[in-house]
């Protein structure tokens, strides 16, 4: 059998895909990164709700938003909601 990703010769099957150990580790790292990102986005949504209730943003919320690249959009939406 060959790895579906790098075509290297292997003999084990992982998660219904045929992957060599290096590719499997890469896939696992990406899955873990995505899990962390999902938790971060969930936390961001929670902080956003708190900020909307209080009528202001916290420094932590703004830092997370900047890291995720959604800062400008979030501030714009917040202004729309508070101005109208």
C-alpha atoms as a PDB file:
ATOM      1  CA  UNK A   1       0.000   0.000   0.000  1.00  0.00           C
ATOM      2  CA  UNK A   2       1.061   3.601  -0.588  1.00  0.00           C
ATOM      3  CA  UNK A   3       0.376   6.748   1.426  1.00  0.00           C
ATOM      4  CA  UNK A   4      -2.503   8.722  -0.139  1.00  0.00           C
ATOM      5  CA  UNK A   5      -0.667  11.943   0.606  1.00  0.00           C
ATOM      6  CA  UNK A   6       3.013  11.445  -0.242  1.00  0.00           C
ATOM      7  CA  UNK A   7       2.793   8.071  -2.099  1.00  0.00           C
ATOM      8  CA  UNK A   8       5.417   6.496   0.195  1.00  0.00           C
ATOM      9  CA  UNK A   9       5.193   2.721   0.641  1.00  0.00           C
ATOM     10  CA  UNK A  10       3.445   1.780   3.917  1.00  0.00           C
ATOM     11  CA  UNK A  11       1.486  -1.024   5.479  1.00  0.00           C
ATOM     12  CA  UNK A  12      -0.871   0.527   8.061  1.00  0.00           C
ATOM     13  CA  UNK A  13      -4.274   2.176   7.777  1.00  0.00           C
ATOM     14  CA  UNK A  14      -5.306   5.164   9.956  1.00  0.00           C
ATOM     15  CA  UNK A  15      -8.823   6.673  10.120  1.00  0.00           C
ATOM     16  CA  UNK A  16     -10.052   5.089   6.855  1.00  0.00           C
ATOM     17  CA  UNK A  17      -7.171   6.757   5.005  1.00  0.00           C
ATOM     18  CA  UNK A  18      -3.910   5.153   4.092  1.00  0.00           C
ATOM     19  CA  UNK A  19      -1.238   7.457   5.514  1.00  0.00           C
ATOM     20  CA  UNK A  20       2.415   7.090   6.433  1.00  0.00           C
ATOM     21  CA  UNK A  21       3.397   8.024   9.984  1.00  0.00           C
ATOM     22  CA  UNK A  22       4.763  11.468   8.965  1.00  0.00           C
ATOM     23  CA  UNK A  23       1.579  12.395   7.081  1.00  0.00           C
ATOM     24  CA  UNK A  24      -0.561  11.040   9.917  1.00  0.00           C
ATOM     25  CA  UNK A  25       1.286  13.251  12.420  1.00  0.00           C
ATOM     26  CA  UNK A  26       0.776  16.259  10.129  1.00  0.00           C
ATOM     27  CA  UNK A  27      -2.951  15.497   9.860  1.00  0.00           C
ATOM     28  CA  UNK A  28      -3.218  15.135  13.644  1.00  0.00           C
ATOM     29  CA  UNK A  29      -1.423  18.457  14.223  1.00  0.00           C
ATOM     30  CA  UNK A  30      -3.820  20.179  11.801  1.00  0.00           C
ATOM     31  CA  UNK A  31      -6.837  18.638  13.564  1.00  0.00           C
ATOM     32  CA  UNK A  32      -5.532  19.857  16.923  1.00  0.00           C
ATOM     33  CA  UNK A  33      -4.922  23.341  15.496  1.00  0.00           C
ATOM     34  CA  UNK A  34      -8.483  23.416  14.156  1.00  0.00           C
ATOM     35  CA  UNK A  35      -9.891  22.314  17.528  1.00  0.00           C
ATOM     36  CA  UNK A  36      -8.004  25.153  19.234  1.00  0.00           C
ATOM     37  CA  UNK A  37      -9.255  27.612  16.623  1.00  0.00           C
ATOM     38  CA  UNK A  38     -12.857  26.454  17.116  1.00  0.00           C
ATOM     39  CA  UNK A  39     -12.534  26.881  20.901  1.00  0.00           C
ATOM     40  CA  UNK A  40     -10.991  30.335  20.384  1.00  0.00           C
ATOM     41  CA  UNK A  41     -13.834  31.396  18.089  1.00  0.00           C
ATOM     42  CA  UNK A  42     -16.382  30.102  20.616  1.00  0.00           C
ATOM     43  CA  UNK A  43     -14.638  32.114  23.330  1.00  0.00           C
ATOM     44  CA  UNK A  44     -14.599  35.157  21.049  1.00  0.00           C
ATOM     45  CA  UNK A  45     -18.351  34.838  20.479  1.00  0.00           C
ATOM     46  CA  UNK A  46     -18.893  34.576  24.238  1.00  0.00           C
ATOM     47  CA  UNK A  47     -16.756  37.680  24.909  1.00  0.00           C
ATOM     48  CA  UNK A  48     -18.585  39.529  22.123  1.00  0.00           C
ATOM     49  CA  UNK A  49     -21.931  38.842  23.814  1.00  0.00           C
ATOM     50  CA  UNK A  50     -20.576  40.080  27.141  1.00  0.00           C
ATOM     51  CA  UNK A  51     -19.201  43.203  25.455  1.00  0.00           C
ATOM     52  CA  UNK A  52     -22.521  43.923  23.766  1.00  0.00           C
ATOM     53  CA  UNK A  53     -24.355  43.640  27.074  1.00  0.00           C
ATOM     54  CA  UNK A  54     -21.902  45.966  28.785  1.00  0.00           C
ATOM     55  CA  UNK A  55     -21.748  48.323  25.814  1.00  0.00           C
ATOM     56  CA  UNK A  56     -17.965  48.141  25.471  1.00  0.00           C
ATOM     57  CA  UNK A  57     -15.191  45.829  24.354  1.00  0.00           C
ATOM     58  CA  UNK A  58     -12.596  44.333  26.648  1.00  0.00           C
ATOM     59  CA  UNK A  59      -8.903  44.404  25.815  1.00  0.00           C
ATOM     60  CA  UNK A  60      -8.815  40.601  25.693  1.00  0.00           C
ATOM     61  CA  UNK A  61     -11.668  40.521  23.192  1.00  0.00           C
ATOM     62  CA  UNK A  62      -9.934  43.027  20.941  1.00  0.00           C
ATOM     63  CA  UNK A  63      -6.653  41.063  21.064  1.00  0.00           C
ATOM     64  CA  UNK A  64      -8.412  37.808  20.164  1.00  0.00           C
ATOM     65  CA  UNK A  65     -10.292  39.534  17.348  1.00  0.00           C
ATOM     66  CA  UNK A  66      -7.055  40.950  15.947  1.00  0.00           C
ATOM     67  CA  UNK A  67      -5.385  37.521  16.082  1.00  0.00           C
ATOM     68  CA  UNK A  68      -8.286  35.957  14.187  1.00  0.00           C
ATOM     69  CA  UNK A  69      -8.392  38.779  11.642  1.00  0.00           C
ATOM     70  CA  UNK A  70     -11.984  39.783  12.422  1.00  0.00           C
ATOM     71  CA  UNK A  71     -11.302  42.966  14.402  1.00  0.00           C
ATOM     72  CA  UNK A  72     -12.504  45.495  11.785  1.00  0.00           C
ATOM     73  CA  UNK A  73     -15.664  43.561  10.980  1.00  0.00           C
ATOM     74  CA  UNK A  74     -16.509  43.084  14.654  1.00  0.00           C
ATOM     75  CA  UNK A  75     -16.026  46.769  15.510  1.00  0.00           C
ATOM     76  CA  UNK A  76     -18.135  47.769  12.501  1.00  0.00           C
ATOM     77  CA  UNK A  77     -20.995  45.464  13.554  1.00  0.00           C
ATOM     78  CA  UNK A  78     -20.764  46.669  17.150  1.00  0.00           C
ATOM     79  CA  UNK A  79     -21.005  50.311  16.036  1.00  0.00           C
ATOM     80  CA  UNK A  80     -24.049  49.526  13.876  1.00  0.00           C
ATOM     81  CA  UNK A  81     -25.835  47.907  16.811  1.00  0.00           C
ATOM     82  CA  UNK A  82     -25.002  50.584  19.347  1.00  0.00           C
ATOM     83  CA  UNK A  83     -25.668  53.562  17.053  1.00  0.00           C
ATOM     84  CA  UNK A  84     -29.116  52.401  15.908  1.00  0.00           C
END
